[in-house]
Amino acid sequence: TITLIVTDDTQVQVPDAEFNPPLATNGWYRGLGLIAPNGYKIASAENGNYDSYIEVGNGEYTNYSYWLKNDINDLKVQKNIANLKVDDTVPIIISCEVTDITSKTARINVKATDQLSGLTDTSYELGIASESNGNDPIIEKFSGTKDGGYFEISGMTANETYVFNLIVGDVAGNEAVEEVTIVAGKNDLSSGQLSVKNGTTYTYDGTELKPGADQLVLTIN
């Protein structure tokens, strides 16, 4: 077997492998593979298994090497790719907690991490996953850092159930998704107005006046 190592002074022109996918996101490739050029097979090591395609593992490579073998004469050629970055792992959502629930508002607190390409303070998104019978909620802009923060929710309707999708995306474009359900609280009696007749007892359950509720009893004589 004849082995040829290509250097800057080598005159043999051997085409490079084709990237699949061809484009990177912020300099990072996701699930990267290399396709051998026509007339060649490719391997990740000189004495490896040569085929038409190899997968590149996750990592940051200062100089990634692969090998091509000519189909006609088995001539082997080493190729190098400088500053190659590959990440096809999704971020890890450490925690997601709903707090400060009222009849109209709530807060979603989130923490996340990523092992390779990393997160930024723009990595966090929140969207409405399903419609409810109440008002469309208002999602405020994420407040926090790359390590986590919170979303403020407002404009909800009392007693309605809302489902959100929390999306955390790393620099490479990988996304982790978690479903978040919020049940809006009952109406605050102090924020409404009651109109009652003298001598009649009413109860208020957060949505309407009716007898038999166990929330609050008002008796006016």
N, C-alpha and C. Protein backbone atom coordinates (compact mmCIF):
# COMPACT_ATOMS: atom_id res chain seq x y z
N THR A 1 0.84 -1.19 0.00
CA THR A 1 0.00 0.00 0.00
C THR A 1 0.88 1.24 0.00
N ILE A 2 0.57 2.20 -0.89
CA ILE A 2 1.31 3.45 -0.96
C ILE A 2 0.53 4.52 -0.21
N THR A 3 1.18 5.18 0.71
CA THR A 3 0.55 6.24 1.49
C THR A 3 1.15 7.58 1.11
N LEU A 4 0.31 8.55 0.77
CA LEU A 4 0.76 9.89 0.42
C LEU A 4 0.19 10.87 1.42
N ILE A 5 1.04 11.59 2.11
CA ILE A 5 0.61 12.64 3.04
C ILE A 5 0.73 13.97 2.32
N VAL A 6 -0.39 14.67 2.16
CA VAL A 6 -0.41 15.91 1.41
C VAL A 6 0.12 17.05 2.26
N THR A 7 1.07 17.79 1.76
CA THR A 7 1.59 18.99 2.41
C THR A 7 1.44 20.16 1.46
N ASP A 8 1.86 21.34 1.92
CA ASP A 8 1.72 22.53 1.07
C ASP A 8 2.53 22.42 -0.21
N ASP A 9 3.60 21.59 -0.21
CA ASP A 9 4.46 21.48 -1.38
C ASP A 9 4.03 20.37 -2.33
N THR A 10 3.00 19.60 -1.94
CA THR A 10 2.58 18.48 -2.77
C THR A 10 1.81 18.99 -3.99
N GLN A 11 2.12 18.43 -5.16
CA GLN A 11 1.51 18.88 -6.39
C GLN A 11 0.26 18.09 -6.75
N VAL A 12 0.02 16.96 -6.05
CA VAL A 12 -1.15 16.14 -6.35
C VAL A 12 -2.40 16.86 -5.90
N GLN A 13 -3.36 17.02 -6.78
CA GLN A 13 -4.59 17.71 -6.46
C GLN A 13 -5.68 16.69 -6.11
N VAL A 14 -6.04 16.64 -4.87
CA VAL A 14 -7.08 15.73 -4.40
C VAL A 14 -8.22 16.57 -3.86
N PRO A 15 -9.43 16.37 -4.36
CA PRO A 15 -10.55 17.20 -3.88
C PRO A 15 -10.85 16.95 -2.41
N ASP A 16 -11.42 17.97 -1.77
CA ASP A 16 -11.81 17.85 -0.37
C ASP A 16 -13.13 17.12 -0.23
N ALA A 17 -13.35 16.58 0.96
CA ALA A 17 -14.64 15.97 1.25
C ALA A 17 -15.72 17.06 1.34
N GLU A 18 -16.94 16.66 1.10
CA GLU A 18 -18.06 17.60 1.14
C GLU A 18 -18.70 17.58 2.52
N PHE A 19 -18.97 18.77 3.04
CA PHE A 19 -19.62 18.89 4.36
C PHE A 19 -21.11 18.59 4.24
N ASN A 20 -21.63 17.85 5.20
CA ASN A 20 -23.07 17.58 5.26
C ASN A 20 -23.52 17.63 6.73
N PRO A 21 -24.28 18.67 7.14
CA PRO A 21 -24.81 19.78 6.33
C PRO A 21 -23.72 20.76 5.92
N PRO A 22 -23.96 21.52 4.85
CA PRO A 22 -22.90 22.39 4.34
C PRO A 22 -22.69 23.67 5.12
N LEU A 23 -23.68 24.10 5.92
CA LEU A 23 -23.61 25.40 6.58
C LEU A 23 -23.55 25.24 8.10
N ALA A 24 -22.82 26.16 8.72
CA ALA A 24 -22.70 26.18 10.18
C ALA A 24 -23.57 27.29 10.75
N THR A 25 -23.90 27.17 12.03
CA THR A 25 -24.62 28.20 12.77
C THR A 25 -23.68 28.81 13.80
N ASN A 26 -23.39 30.09 13.63
CA ASN A 26 -22.45 30.77 14.52
C ASN A 26 -21.11 30.03 14.61
N GLY A 27 -20.70 29.46 13.48
CA GLY A 27 -19.42 28.77 13.43
C GLY A 27 -19.47 27.33 13.89
N TRP A 28 -20.64 26.84 14.30
CA TRP A 28 -20.80 25.47 14.80
C TRP A 28 -21.63 24.65 13.82
N TYR A 29 -21.17 23.41 13.57
CA TYR A 29 -21.94 22.45 12.77
C TYR A 29 -22.71 21.52 13.70
N ARG A 30 -23.88 21.09 13.23
CA ARG A 30 -24.69 20.15 13.99
C ARG A 30 -24.80 18.83 13.21
N GLY A 31 -24.43 17.73 13.88
CA GLY A 31 -24.52 16.43 13.24
C GLY A 31 -23.72 16.35 11.95
N LEU A 32 -22.47 16.80 11.98
CA LEU A 32 -21.68 16.94 10.77
C LEU A 32 -21.18 15.59 10.25
N GLY A 33 -21.27 15.43 8.94
CA GLY A 33 -20.68 14.29 8.24
C GLY A 33 -19.84 14.77 7.08
N LEU A 34 -18.91 13.94 6.65
CA LEU A 34 -18.07 14.25 5.50
C LEU A 34 -18.31 13.22 4.42
N ILE A 35 -18.59 13.69 3.20
CA ILE A 35 -18.87 12.83 2.06
C ILE A 35 -17.63 12.76 1.17
N ALA A 36 -17.22 11.56 0.85
CA ALA A 36 -16.03 11.39 0.02
C ALA A 36 -16.28 11.93 -1.39
N PRO A 37 -15.28 12.57 -1.99
CA PRO A 37 -15.43 13.03 -3.37
C PRO A 37 -15.49 11.85 -4.34
N ASN A 38 -15.94 12.10 -5.57
CA ASN A 38 -16.03 11.04 -6.57
C ASN A 38 -14.66 10.38 -6.78
N GLY A 39 -14.68 9.05 -6.80
CA GLY A 39 -13.45 8.30 -7.04
C GLY A 39 -12.67 8.00 -5.79
N TYR A 40 -13.22 8.35 -4.62
CA TYR A 40 -12.50 8.13 -3.36
C TYR A 40 -13.44 7.53 -2.32
N LYS A 41 -12.82 6.89 -1.33
CA LYS A 41 -13.49 6.49 -0.10
C LYS A 41 -12.84 7.29 1.03
N ILE A 42 -13.56 7.41 2.15
CA ILE A 42 -13.11 8.26 3.24
C ILE A 42 -13.09 7.47 4.55
N ALA A 43 -12.14 7.82 5.43
CA ALA A 43 -12.04 7.22 6.76
C ALA A 43 -11.52 8.27 7.73
N SER A 44 -11.79 8.07 9.02
CA SER A 44 -11.32 9.02 10.03
C SER A 44 -9.90 8.72 10.48
N ALA A 45 -9.35 7.58 10.08
CA ALA A 45 -7.97 7.22 10.40
C ALA A 45 -7.35 6.50 9.20
N GLU A 46 -6.03 6.53 9.10
CA GLU A 46 -5.36 5.95 7.94
C GLU A 46 -5.72 4.48 7.73
N ASN A 47 -5.76 3.73 8.81
CA ASN A 47 -6.05 2.30 8.71
C ASN A 47 -7.48 1.98 9.15
N GLY A 48 -8.35 2.98 9.05
CA GLY A 48 -9.74 2.77 9.42
C GLY A 48 -10.55 2.13 8.31
N ASN A 49 -11.84 2.05 8.52
CA ASN A 49 -12.76 1.49 7.52
C ASN A 49 -13.15 2.58 6.53
N TYR A 50 -12.80 2.40 5.28
CA TYR A 50 -13.07 3.40 4.25
C TYR A 50 -14.47 3.19 3.67
N ASP A 51 -15.19 4.28 3.57
CA ASP A 51 -16.56 4.23 3.05
C ASP A 51 -16.83 5.54 2.32
N SER A 52 -18.07 5.72 1.91
CA SER A 52 -18.43 6.94 1.18
C SER A 52 -18.74 8.11 2.11
N TYR A 53 -18.81 7.82 3.43
CA TYR A 53 -19.27 8.85 4.37
C TYR A 53 -18.73 8.54 5.75
N ILE A 54 -18.34 9.58 6.49
CA ILE A 54 -18.00 9.41 7.90
C ILE A 54 -18.70 10.50 8.71
N GLU A 55 -18.92 10.21 9.98
CA GLU A 55 -19.49 11.20 10.89
C GLU A 55 -18.37 11.81 11.73
N VAL A 56 -18.47 13.11 11.97
CA VAL A 56 -17.51 13.81 12.80
C VAL A 56 -18.10 13.96 14.20
N GLY A 57 -17.37 13.52 15.21
CA GLY A 57 -17.88 13.58 16.57
C GLY A 57 -17.93 15.00 17.11
N ASN A 58 -18.67 15.19 18.19
CA ASN A 58 -18.78 16.50 18.81
C ASN A 58 -17.43 16.96 19.37
N GLY A 59 -17.17 18.25 19.26
CA GLY A 59 -15.96 18.79 19.83
C GLY A 59 -15.46 20.01 19.10
N GLU A 60 -14.43 20.65 19.67
CA GLU A 60 -13.74 21.76 19.04
C GLU A 60 -12.35 21.27 18.60
N TYR A 61 -12.12 21.26 17.30
CA TYR A 61 -10.89 20.71 16.75
C TYR A 61 -10.02 21.84 16.19
N THR A 62 -8.83 21.97 16.71
CA THR A 62 -7.88 22.92 16.14
C THR A 62 -7.47 22.47 14.74
N ASN A 63 -7.32 21.15 14.58
CA ASN A 63 -6.94 20.59 13.29
C ASN A 63 -7.53 19.19 13.18
N TYR A 64 -8.64 19.06 12.46
CA TYR A 64 -9.31 17.76 12.30
C TYR A 64 -8.77 17.07 11.05
N SER A 65 -8.33 15.82 11.20
CA SER A 65 -7.76 15.06 10.08
C SER A 65 -8.68 13.93 9.64
N TYR A 66 -8.72 13.69 8.35
CA TYR A 66 -9.41 12.53 7.78
C TYR A 66 -8.57 12.02 6.61
N TRP A 67 -8.92 10.83 6.10
CA TRP A 67 -8.13 10.20 5.04
C TRP A 67 -9.03 9.86 3.86
N LEU A 68 -8.48 10.01 2.66
CA LEU A 68 -9.15 9.62 1.42
C LEU A 68 -8.32 8.53 0.74
N LYS A 69 -9.01 7.56 0.15
CA LYS A 69 -8.34 6.49 -0.58
C LYS A 69 -8.88 6.42 -2.00
N ASN A 70 -7.98 6.48 -2.96
CA ASN A 70 -8.35 6.44 -4.37
C ASN A 70 -8.92 5.07 -4.72
N ASP A 71 -10.07 5.04 -5.41
CA ASP A 71 -10.71 3.77 -5.77
C ASP A 71 -9.89 2.97 -6.78
N ILE A 72 -9.04 3.62 -7.56
CA ILE A 72 -8.33 2.94 -8.63
C ILE A 72 -7.05 2.27 -8.13
N ASN A 73 -6.21 3.04 -7.43
CA ASN A 73 -4.91 2.50 -7.03
C ASN A 73 -4.70 2.43 -5.52
N ASP A 74 -5.75 2.64 -4.73
CA ASP A 74 -5.67 2.59 -3.26
C ASP A 74 -4.71 3.61 -2.67
N LEU A 75 -4.40 4.66 -3.41
CA LEU A 75 -3.53 5.71 -2.90
C LEU A 75 -4.24 6.46 -1.78
N LYS A 76 -3.59 6.59 -0.62
CA LYS A 76 -4.20 7.25 0.54
C LYS A 76 -3.66 8.67 0.69
N VAL A 77 -4.57 9.58 1.00
CA VAL A 77 -4.22 10.99 1.15
C VAL A 77 -4.80 11.52 2.46
N GLN A 78 -3.99 12.19 3.23
CA GLN A 78 -4.46 12.80 4.48
C GLN A 78 -4.91 14.24 4.21
N LYS A 79 -6.07 14.57 4.78
CA LYS A 79 -6.61 15.92 4.64
C LYS A 79 -6.85 16.51 6.04
N ASN A 80 -6.79 17.83 6.13
CA ASN A 80 -6.97 18.50 7.41
C ASN A 80 -7.98 19.64 7.30
N ILE A 81 -8.74 19.82 8.36
CA ILE A 81 -9.69 20.94 8.46
C ILE A 81 -9.34 21.73 9.70
N ALA A 82 -9.03 23.00 9.53
CA ALA A 82 -8.63 23.83 10.66
C ALA A 82 -9.86 24.43 11.37
N ASN A 83 -9.76 24.48 12.69
CA ASN A 83 -10.77 25.17 13.53
C ASN A 83 -12.19 24.67 13.24
N LEU A 84 -12.37 23.38 13.36
CA LEU A 84 -13.68 22.77 13.13
C LEU A 84 -14.41 22.61 14.46
N LYS A 85 -15.68 23.03 14.50
CA LYS A 85 -16.48 22.95 15.73
C LYS A 85 -17.80 22.24 15.43
N VAL A 86 -18.08 21.20 16.23
CA VAL A 86 -19.27 20.38 16.01
C VAL A 86 -20.01 20.20 17.33
N ASP A 87 -21.31 20.44 17.32
CA ASP A 87 -22.14 20.27 18.52
C ASP A 87 -23.55 19.87 18.09
N ASP A 88 -23.94 18.64 18.37
CA ASP A 88 -25.32 18.23 18.10
C ASP A 88 -26.02 17.76 19.37
N THR A 89 -25.55 18.26 20.53
CA THR A 89 -26.18 17.95 21.81
C THR A 89 -27.07 19.11 22.23
N VAL A 90 -28.24 18.79 22.77
CA VAL A 90 -29.19 19.83 23.17
C VAL A 90 -28.82 20.37 24.54
N PRO A 91 -29.21 21.60 24.85
CA PRO A 91 -28.99 22.14 26.20
C PRO A 91 -29.73 21.32 27.26
N ILE A 92 -29.32 21.48 28.49
CA ILE A 92 -29.97 20.80 29.61
C ILE A 92 -30.75 21.83 30.42
N ILE A 93 -32.06 21.65 30.52
CA ILE A 93 -32.89 22.51 31.36
C ILE A 93 -32.80 21.99 32.79
N ILE A 94 -32.12 22.72 33.63
CA ILE A 94 -31.88 22.28 35.00
C ILE A 94 -33.16 22.38 35.82
N SER A 95 -33.87 23.48 35.70
CA SER A 95 -35.11 23.67 36.45
C SER A 95 -36.04 24.61 35.72
N CYS A 96 -37.32 24.41 35.93
CA CYS A 96 -38.35 25.28 35.37
C CYS A 96 -39.49 25.31 36.38
N GLU A 97 -39.72 26.47 36.98
CA GLU A 97 -40.67 26.57 38.09
C GLU A 97 -41.59 27.77 37.89
N VAL A 98 -42.87 27.56 38.15
CA VAL A 98 -43.86 28.63 38.06
C VAL A 98 -44.13 29.16 39.46
N THR A 99 -44.01 30.48 39.62
CA THR A 99 -44.24 31.11 40.92
C THR A 99 -45.11 32.35 40.75
N ASP A 100 -45.51 32.93 41.88
CA ASP A 100 -46.22 34.22 41.93
C ASP A 100 -47.48 34.22 41.07
N ILE A 101 -48.26 33.15 41.17
CA ILE A 101 -49.47 33.03 40.36
C ILE A 101 -50.59 33.85 40.98
N THR A 102 -51.23 34.69 40.16
CA THR A 102 -52.46 35.40 40.54
C THR A 102 -53.51 35.10 39.49
N SER A 103 -54.63 35.79 39.57
CA SER A 103 -55.68 35.58 38.58
C SER A 103 -55.29 36.08 37.20
N LYS A 104 -54.28 36.94 37.12
CA LYS A 104 -53.89 37.54 35.84
C LYS A 104 -52.41 37.37 35.49
N THR A 105 -51.58 37.13 36.48
CA THR A 105 -50.14 37.13 36.25
C THR A 105 -49.47 35.88 36.83
N ALA A 106 -48.23 35.64 36.37
CA ALA A 106 -47.41 34.55 36.90
C ALA A 106 -45.97 34.79 36.45
N ARG A 107 -45.07 34.04 37.04
CA ARG A 107 -43.66 34.11 36.65
C ARG A 107 -43.15 32.70 36.39
N ILE A 108 -42.39 32.53 35.29
CA ILE A 108 -41.75 31.27 34.98
C ILE A 108 -40.24 31.44 35.16
N ASN A 109 -39.69 30.72 36.13
CA ASN A 109 -38.26 30.78 36.42
C ASN A 109 -37.55 29.58 35.77
N VAL A 110 -36.43 29.83 35.14
CA VAL A 110 -35.74 28.75 34.43
C VAL A 110 -34.23 28.85 34.62
N LYS A 111 -33.60 27.68 34.71
CA LYS A 111 -32.14 27.58 34.72
C LYS A 111 -31.74 26.51 33.71
N ALA A 112 -30.64 26.76 32.98
CA ALA A 112 -30.21 25.80 31.97
C ALA A 112 -28.69 25.87 31.81
N THR A 113 -28.14 24.84 31.15
CA THR A 113 -26.71 24.81 30.88
C THR A 113 -26.48 24.09 29.56
N ASP A 114 -25.27 24.23 29.02
CA ASP A 114 -24.92 23.56 27.77
C ASP A 114 -23.45 23.18 27.82
N GLN A 115 -23.11 21.98 27.29
CA GLN A 115 -21.78 21.43 27.48
C GLN A 115 -20.76 21.88 26.44
N LEU A 116 -21.22 22.30 25.24
CA LEU A 116 -20.26 22.60 24.18
C LEU A 116 -20.34 24.05 23.70
N SER A 117 -21.26 24.35 22.80
CA SER A 117 -21.29 25.68 22.19
C SER A 117 -21.75 26.76 23.16
N GLY A 118 -22.49 26.37 24.21
CA GLY A 118 -22.87 27.31 25.25
C GLY A 118 -24.17 28.04 25.00
N LEU A 119 -24.58 28.81 26.01
CA LEU A 119 -25.81 29.59 25.97
C LEU A 119 -25.48 31.07 26.07
N THR A 120 -26.45 31.92 25.69
CA THR A 120 -26.35 33.36 25.87
C THR A 120 -27.63 33.84 26.53
N ASP A 121 -27.69 35.14 26.83
CA ASP A 121 -28.92 35.65 27.45
C ASP A 121 -30.06 35.76 26.45
N THR A 122 -29.81 35.43 25.18
CA THR A 122 -30.89 35.38 24.17
C THR A 122 -31.26 33.95 23.83
N SER A 123 -30.77 32.98 24.60
CA SER A 123 -31.04 31.56 24.33
C SER A 123 -32.43 31.12 24.76
N TYR A 124 -33.12 31.96 25.56
CA TYR A 124 -34.39 31.54 26.18
C TYR A 124 -35.57 32.17 25.46
N GLU A 125 -36.53 31.31 25.08
CA GLU A 125 -37.76 31.78 24.44
C GLU A 125 -38.96 31.11 25.10
N LEU A 126 -40.10 31.80 25.05
CA LEU A 126 -41.33 31.24 25.59
C LEU A 126 -42.46 31.52 24.62
N GLY A 127 -43.20 30.49 24.25
CA GLY A 127 -44.31 30.65 23.32
C GLY A 127 -45.56 29.97 23.84
N ILE A 128 -46.70 30.33 23.31
CA ILE A 128 -47.97 29.73 23.70
C ILE A 128 -48.15 28.43 22.94
N ALA A 129 -48.32 27.33 23.67
CA ALA A 129 -48.42 26.01 23.05
C ALA A 129 -49.84 25.67 22.64
N SER A 130 -50.84 26.15 23.38
CA SER A 130 -52.23 25.85 23.05
C SER A 130 -53.13 27.00 23.49
N GLU A 131 -54.24 27.16 22.81
CA GLU A 131 -55.17 28.23 23.13
C GLU A 131 -56.04 27.85 24.32
N SER A 132 -56.45 28.85 25.07
CA SER A 132 -57.37 28.62 26.18
C SER A 132 -58.67 29.37 25.89
N ASN A 133 -59.61 29.24 26.80
CA ASN A 133 -60.89 29.94 26.64
C ASN A 133 -60.83 31.38 27.13
N GLY A 134 -59.70 31.74 27.74
CA GLY A 134 -59.56 33.08 28.27
C GLY A 134 -58.83 34.01 27.33
N ASN A 135 -58.33 35.11 27.90
CA ASN A 135 -57.58 36.08 27.11
C ASN A 135 -56.22 35.50 26.70
N ASP A 136 -55.69 35.99 25.60
CA ASP A 136 -54.33 35.63 25.22
C ASP A 136 -53.36 36.29 26.20
N PRO A 137 -52.48 35.51 26.81
CA PRO A 137 -51.55 36.10 27.79
C PRO A 137 -50.46 36.92 27.10
N ILE A 138 -49.89 37.83 27.86
CA ILE A 138 -48.78 38.64 27.38
C ILE A 138 -47.50 38.10 28.00
N ILE A 139 -46.52 37.78 27.15
CA ILE A 139 -45.24 37.25 27.62
C ILE A 139 -44.20 38.35 27.53
N GLU A 140 -43.68 38.74 28.68
CA GLU A 140 -42.65 39.77 28.70
C GLU A 140 -41.31 39.20 28.26
N LYS A 141 -40.41 40.06 27.82
CA LYS A 141 -39.08 39.66 27.39
C LYS A 141 -38.32 38.98 28.53
N PHE A 142 -37.55 37.94 28.18
CA PHE A 142 -36.77 37.21 29.18
C PHE A 142 -35.84 38.16 29.93
N SER A 143 -35.80 37.97 31.24
CA SER A 143 -34.92 38.78 32.09
C SER A 143 -33.94 37.84 32.79
N GLY A 144 -32.65 37.97 32.47
CA GLY A 144 -31.67 37.11 33.10
C GLY A 144 -30.36 37.08 32.35
N THR A 145 -29.59 36.01 32.57
CA THR A 145 -28.29 35.82 31.94
C THR A 145 -28.29 34.48 31.23
N LYS A 146 -27.11 34.08 30.72
CA LYS A 146 -27.00 32.80 30.03
C LYS A 146 -27.29 31.62 30.97
N ASP A 147 -27.15 31.84 32.27
CA ASP A 147 -27.36 30.76 33.24
C ASP A 147 -28.83 30.60 33.64
N GLY A 148 -29.65 31.59 33.35
CA GLY A 148 -31.07 31.49 33.69
C GLY A 148 -31.68 32.83 34.04
N GLY A 149 -32.98 32.80 34.30
CA GLY A 149 -33.71 34.02 34.62
C GLY A 149 -35.20 33.71 34.68
N TYR A 150 -36.03 34.63 34.21
CA TYR A 150 -37.47 34.42 34.32
C TYR A 150 -38.22 35.16 33.22
N PHE A 151 -39.45 34.68 32.98
CA PHE A 151 -40.43 35.34 32.12
C PHE A 151 -41.60 35.79 32.99
N GLU A 152 -42.06 37.00 32.79
CA GLU A 152 -43.27 37.49 33.45
C GLU A 152 -44.45 37.30 32.49
N ILE A 153 -45.53 36.72 33.03
CA ILE A 153 -46.76 36.51 32.25
C ILE A 153 -47.85 37.40 32.81
N SER A 154 -48.58 38.08 31.93
CA SER A 154 -49.69 38.92 32.36
C SER A 154 -50.85 38.74 31.39
N GLY A 155 -52.00 39.33 31.77
CA GLY A 155 -53.16 39.29 30.88
C GLY A 155 -53.93 37.99 30.87
N MET A 156 -53.71 37.14 31.86
CA MET A 156 -54.45 35.87 31.91
C MET A 156 -55.86 36.08 32.44
N THR A 157 -56.71 35.09 32.22
CA THR A 157 -58.08 35.10 32.72
C THR A 157 -58.17 34.16 33.92
N ALA A 158 -58.83 34.58 34.97
CA ALA A 158 -58.94 33.79 36.19
C ALA A 158 -59.47 32.40 35.91
N ASN A 159 -58.87 31.40 36.56
CA ASN A 159 -59.29 29.99 36.52
C ASN A 159 -58.99 29.29 35.19
N GLU A 160 -58.43 29.99 34.22
CA GLU A 160 -58.14 29.37 32.94
C GLU A 160 -56.77 28.67 32.98
N THR A 161 -56.62 27.62 32.17
CA THR A 161 -55.37 26.87 32.06
C THR A 161 -54.62 27.29 30.80
N TYR A 162 -53.36 27.60 30.97
CA TYR A 162 -52.51 28.03 29.86
C TYR A 162 -51.32 27.08 29.75
N VAL A 163 -50.99 26.73 28.51
CA VAL A 163 -49.85 25.85 28.25
C VAL A 163 -48.84 26.60 27.39
N PHE A 164 -47.59 26.62 27.85
CA PHE A 164 -46.52 27.32 27.16
C PHE A 164 -45.43 26.33 26.76
N ASN A 165 -44.66 26.70 25.75
CA ASN A 165 -43.46 25.95 25.39
C ASN A 165 -42.23 26.79 25.75
N LEU A 166 -41.43 26.27 26.66
CA LEU A 166 -40.16 26.89 26.97
C LEU A 166 -39.10 26.32 26.04
N ILE A 167 -38.39 27.17 25.32
CA ILE A 167 -37.37 26.73 24.37
C ILE A 167 -36.03 27.33 24.78
N VAL A 168 -35.04 26.46 24.94
CA VAL A 168 -33.68 26.91 25.25
C VAL A 168 -32.78 26.45 24.11
N GLY A 169 -32.16 27.41 23.41
CA GLY A 169 -31.32 27.09 22.27
C GLY A 169 -29.87 27.46 22.51
N ASP A 170 -28.95 26.55 22.15
CA ASP A 170 -27.53 26.88 22.32
C ASP A 170 -27.00 27.64 21.12
N VAL A 171 -25.74 28.03 21.17
CA VAL A 171 -25.13 28.83 20.12
C VAL A 171 -25.13 28.09 18.79
N ALA A 172 -25.03 26.75 18.83
CA ALA A 172 -25.00 25.95 17.61
C ALA A 172 -26.38 25.79 16.98
N GLY A 173 -27.43 26.13 17.72
CA GLY A 173 -28.78 26.01 17.18
C GLY A 173 -29.56 24.81 17.69
N ASN A 174 -28.97 24.00 18.56
CA ASN A 174 -29.71 22.89 19.17
C ASN A 174 -30.71 23.43 20.19
N GLU A 175 -31.87 22.81 20.28
CA GLU A 175 -32.92 23.31 21.16
C GLU A 175 -33.44 22.23 22.10
N ALA A 176 -33.67 22.63 23.33
CA ALA A 176 -34.38 21.81 24.30
C ALA A 176 -35.74 22.47 24.55
N VAL A 177 -36.80 21.65 24.60
CA VAL A 177 -38.16 22.18 24.74
C VAL A 177 -38.82 21.53 25.96
N GLU A 178 -39.47 22.35 26.77
CA GLU A 178 -40.21 21.83 27.92
C GLU A 178 -41.57 22.51 27.98
N GLU A 179 -42.60 21.72 28.22
CA GLU A 179 -43.96 22.25 28.30
C GLU A 179 -44.25 22.74 29.72
N VAL A 180 -44.83 23.92 29.80
CA VAL A 180 -45.13 24.54 31.10
C VAL A 180 -46.63 24.85 31.17
N THR A 181 -47.29 24.36 32.20
CA THR A 181 -48.73 24.59 32.37
C THR A 181 -48.97 25.52 33.56
N ILE A 182 -49.80 26.52 33.34
CA ILE A 182 -50.17 27.46 34.40
C ILE A 182 -51.68 27.51 34.51
N VAL A 183 -52.20 27.35 35.70
CA VAL A 183 -53.62 27.55 35.96
C VAL A 183 -53.75 28.89 36.69
N ALA A 184 -54.37 29.85 36.04
CA ALA A 184 -54.51 31.18 36.63
C ALA A 184 -55.33 31.09 37.91
N GLY A 185 -54.99 31.93 38.87
CA GLY A 185 -55.70 31.92 40.15
C GLY A 185 -57.10 32.48 40.04
N LYS A 186 -57.83 32.39 41.15
CA LYS A 186 -59.18 32.93 41.19
C LYS A 186 -59.15 34.43 41.37
N ASN A 187 -60.22 35.08 41.00
CA ASN A 187 -60.28 36.54 41.09
C ASN A 187 -60.11 37.00 42.53
N ASP A 188 -59.44 38.10 42.69
CA ASP A 188 -59.27 38.74 43.99
C ASP A 188 -60.53 39.53 44.30
N LEU A 189 -61.21 39.15 45.38
CA LEU A 189 -62.48 39.79 45.71
C LEU A 189 -62.31 41.30 45.91
N SER A 190 -61.16 41.71 46.46
CA SER A 190 -60.97 43.12 46.74
C SER A 190 -60.86 43.96 45.48
N SER A 191 -60.62 43.34 44.34
CA SER A 191 -60.46 44.11 43.11
C SER A 191 -61.76 44.24 42.33
N GLY A 192 -62.83 43.61 42.82
CA GLY A 192 -64.11 43.68 42.10
C GLY A 192 -65.14 44.46 42.89
N GLN A 193 -66.34 44.46 42.38
CA GLN A 193 -67.45 45.13 43.04
C GLN A 193 -68.58 44.15 43.21
N LEU A 194 -69.22 44.19 44.38
CA LEU A 194 -70.36 43.32 44.67
C LEU A 194 -71.61 44.18 44.83
N SER A 195 -72.67 43.71 44.23
CA SER A 195 -73.95 44.38 44.39
C SER A 195 -74.92 43.38 45.03
N VAL A 196 -75.35 43.63 46.28
CA VAL A 196 -76.18 42.67 46.99
C VAL A 196 -77.41 43.38 47.56
N LYS A 197 -78.43 42.58 47.89
CA LYS A 197 -79.65 43.10 48.49
C LYS A 197 -79.58 42.94 50.01
N ASN A 198 -80.15 43.89 50.72
CA ASN A 198 -80.16 43.81 52.18
C ASN A 198 -80.87 42.55 52.67
N GLY A 199 -80.26 41.95 53.69
CA GLY A 199 -80.87 40.77 54.28
C GLY A 199 -80.56 39.48 53.56
N THR A 200 -79.75 39.50 52.53
CA THR A 200 -79.43 38.30 51.76
C THR A 200 -77.98 37.92 51.95
N THR A 201 -77.70 36.63 52.07
CA THR A 201 -76.33 36.13 52.22
C THR A 201 -75.83 35.60 50.89
N TYR A 202 -74.63 36.05 50.50
CA TYR A 202 -74.01 35.60 49.25
C TYR A 202 -72.61 35.04 49.54
N THR A 203 -72.15 34.16 48.70
CA THR A 203 -70.76 33.69 48.74
C THR A 203 -70.11 33.96 47.40
N TYR A 204 -68.80 34.13 47.44
CA TYR A 204 -68.04 34.47 46.22
C TYR A 204 -66.91 33.45 46.06
N ASP A 205 -66.90 32.70 44.93
CA ASP A 205 -65.89 31.66 44.72
C ASP A 205 -64.76 32.10 43.80
N GLY A 206 -64.68 33.37 43.50
CA GLY A 206 -63.65 33.87 42.63
C GLY A 206 -64.13 34.24 41.25
N THR A 207 -65.31 33.76 40.89
CA THR A 207 -65.84 34.06 39.56
C THR A 207 -67.25 34.61 39.61
N GLU A 208 -68.04 34.20 40.61
CA GLU A 208 -69.42 34.65 40.66
C GLU A 208 -69.96 34.54 42.09
N LEU A 209 -71.03 35.27 42.33
CA LEU A 209 -71.73 35.16 43.60
C LEU A 209 -72.70 34.00 43.55
N LYS A 210 -72.65 33.12 44.55
CA LYS A 210 -73.60 32.02 44.59
C LYS A 210 -73.64 31.44 46.00
N PRO A 211 -74.72 30.76 46.34
CA PRO A 211 -74.81 30.14 47.68
C PRO A 211 -73.98 28.87 47.75
N GLY A 212 -73.53 28.54 48.95
CA GLY A 212 -72.89 27.25 49.17
C GLY A 212 -71.40 27.22 48.98
N ALA A 213 -70.79 28.28 48.49
CA ALA A 213 -69.33 28.27 48.29
C ALA A 213 -68.61 28.42 49.61
N ASP A 214 -67.39 27.95 49.67
CA ASP A 214 -66.66 27.99 50.93
C ASP A 214 -65.54 29.02 50.91
N GLN A 215 -65.55 29.93 49.96
CA GLN A 215 -64.48 30.90 49.87
C GLN A 215 -64.67 32.08 50.82
N LEU A 216 -65.81 32.73 50.74
CA LEU A 216 -66.05 33.92 51.55
C LEU A 216 -67.55 34.15 51.65
N VAL A 217 -68.00 34.46 52.84
CA VAL A 217 -69.43 34.70 53.06
C VAL A 217 -69.60 36.15 53.50
N LEU A 218 -70.49 36.86 52.78
CA LEU A 218 -70.81 38.25 53.13
C LEU A 218 -72.28 38.29 53.52
N THR A 219 -72.56 38.80 54.68
CA THR A 219 -73.94 38.97 55.11
C THR A 219 -74.20 40.44 55.34
N ILE A 220 -75.20 40.99 54.64
CA ILE A 220 -75.55 42.41 54.77
C ILE A 220 -76.98 42.50 55.29
N ASN A 221 -77.18 43.15 56.40
CA ASN A 221 -78.52 43.30 57.00
C ASN A 221 -79.02 44.73 56.83
